[in-house]
Amino acid sequence: MVFPSKKDWWVRIVIWGAALLLIIPPVFFPNFGVWMTPAFLDKQWIKVIILGFTGILLLWI
C-alpha cells in the first residue's frame, strides 16, 4: 500500500523560499553578504555550485 504524504501550503512556501534564497543571490548578486571562506574557496563558481546544490537538494524534498 502507498500512502501519499500530505503537505501543507506553508511548508511548500518555506521549502521553496529557502531553496530560492540559496540559488538566486550567488548567481545575480555575487558580492552580496559575508563570505567567510578561505582564499582558495573564494571564487564565484564555487559559491554557486555549493549553494545551488543545497537549494536543489531542498527542492528534491
C-alpha atoms as a PDB file:
ATOM      1  CA  MET A   1       0.000   0.000   0.000  1.00  0.00           C
ATOM      2  CA  VAL A   2       1.093   3.524  -0.744  1.00  0.00           C
ATOM      3  CA  PHE A   3       0.144   6.416   1.470  1.00  0.00           C
ATOM      4  CA  PRO A   4       0.842   9.808  -0.140  1.00  0.00           C
ATOM      5  CA  SER A   5       2.126  12.412   2.265  1.00  0.00           C
ATOM      6  CA  LYS A   6       0.020  15.467   2.859  1.00  0.00           C
ATOM      7  CA  LYS A   7       1.963  18.720   2.623  1.00  0.00           C
ATOM      8  CA  ASP A   8       0.513  21.988   3.795  1.00  0.00           C
ATOM      9  CA  TRP A   9       0.815  25.136   1.709  1.00  0.00           C
ATOM     10  CA  TRP A  10       3.038  26.897   4.262  1.00  0.00           C
ATOM     11  CA  VAL A  11       5.567  24.045   4.237  1.00  0.00           C
ATOM     12  CA  ARG A  12       5.845  24.354   0.465  1.00  0.00           C
ATOM     13  CA  ILE A  13       6.378  28.114   0.753  1.00  0.00           C
ATOM     14  CA  VAL A  14       9.124  27.663   3.372  1.00  0.00           C
ATOM     15  CA  ILE A  15      10.951  24.997   1.331  1.00  0.00           C
ATOM     16  CA  TRP A  16      10.692  26.874  -1.992  1.00  0.00           C
ATOM     17  CA  GLY A  17      11.644  30.160  -0.342  1.00  0.00           C
ATOM     18  CA  ALA A  18      14.718  28.686   1.324  1.00  0.00           C
ATOM     19  CA  ALA A  19      15.782  26.977  -1.903  1.00  0.00           C
ATOM     20  CA  LEU A  20      15.395  30.137  -3.960  1.00  0.00           C
ATOM     21  CA  LEU A  21      17.293  32.174  -1.372  1.00  0.00           C
ATOM     22  CA  LEU A  22      20.175  29.723  -1.726  1.00  0.00           C
ATOM     23  CA  ILE A  23      20.161  29.608  -5.534  1.00  0.00           C
ATOM     24  CA  ILE A  24      19.380  33.143  -6.764  1.00  0.00           C
ATOM     25  CA  PRO A  25      21.633  35.539  -4.745  1.00  0.00           C
ATOM     26  CA  PRO A  26      25.022  33.992  -5.585  1.00  0.00           C
ATOM     27  CA  VAL A  27      24.175  33.981  -9.290  1.00  0.00           C
ATOM     28  CA  PHE A  28      22.816  37.525  -9.646  1.00  0.00           C
ATOM     29  CA  PHE A  29      24.495  39.293  -6.701  1.00  0.00           C
ATOM     30  CA  PRO A  30      27.956  37.724  -6.329  1.00  0.00           C
ATOM     31  CA  ASN A  31      29.275  40.189  -3.728  1.00  0.00           C
ATOM     32  CA  PHE A  32      26.153  40.179  -1.569  1.00  0.00           C
ATOM     33  CA  GLY A  33      26.572  39.011   2.018  1.00  0.00           C
ATOM     34  CA  VAL A  34      29.525  37.968   4.078  1.00  0.00           C
ATOM     35  CA  TRP A  35      31.536  35.030   2.823  1.00  0.00           C
ATOM     36  CA  MET A  36      33.891  33.699   5.447  1.00  0.00           C
ATOM     37  CA  THR A  37      35.762  31.258   3.252  1.00  0.00           C
ATOM     38  CA  PRO A  38      39.442  30.508   2.811  1.00  0.00           C
ATOM     39  CA  ALA A  39      41.198  32.211  -0.091  1.00  0.00           C
ATOM     40  CA  PHE A  40      41.206  29.100  -2.306  1.00  0.00           C
ATOM     41  CA  LEU A  41      37.403  28.774  -1.963  1.00  0.00           C
ATOM     42  CA  ASP A  42      36.744  32.464  -2.573  1.00  0.00           C
ATOM     43  CA  LYS A  43      35.701  32.045  -6.187  1.00  0.00           C
ATOM     44  CA  GLN A  44      32.229  32.806  -7.533  1.00  0.00           C
ATOM     45  CA  TRP A  45      31.691  29.487  -9.300  1.00  0.00           C
ATOM     46  CA  ILE A  46      32.443  27.521  -6.106  1.00  0.00           C
ATOM     47  CA  LYS A  47      29.829  29.518  -4.197  1.00  0.00           C
ATOM     48  CA  VAL A  48      27.251  29.000  -6.957  1.00  0.00           C
ATOM     49  CA  ILE A  49      27.885  25.241  -7.049  1.00  0.00           C
ATOM     50  CA  ILE A  50      27.725  24.749  -3.271  1.00  0.00           C
ATOM     51  CA  LEU A  51      24.659  26.923  -2.678  1.00  0.00           C
ATOM     52  CA  GLY A  52      22.961  25.721  -5.866  1.00  0.00           C
ATOM     53  CA  PHE A  53      23.421  22.097  -4.863  1.00  0.00           C
ATOM     54  CA  THR A  54      21.995  22.842  -1.415  1.00  0.00           C
ATOM     55  CA  GLY A  55      18.992  24.617  -2.954  1.00  0.00           C
ATOM     56  CA  ILE A  56      18.337  21.765  -5.384  1.00  0.00           C
ATOM     57  CA  LEU A  57      18.579  19.306  -2.505  1.00  0.00           C
ATOM     58  CA  LEU A  58      15.899  21.299  -0.687  1.00  0.00           C
ATOM     59  CA  LEU A  59      13.657  21.235  -3.768  1.00  0.00           C
ATOM     60  CA  TRP A  60      14.118  17.476  -4.025  1.00  0.00           C
ATOM     61  CA  ILE A  61      12.484  17.124  -0.599  1.00  0.00           C
END
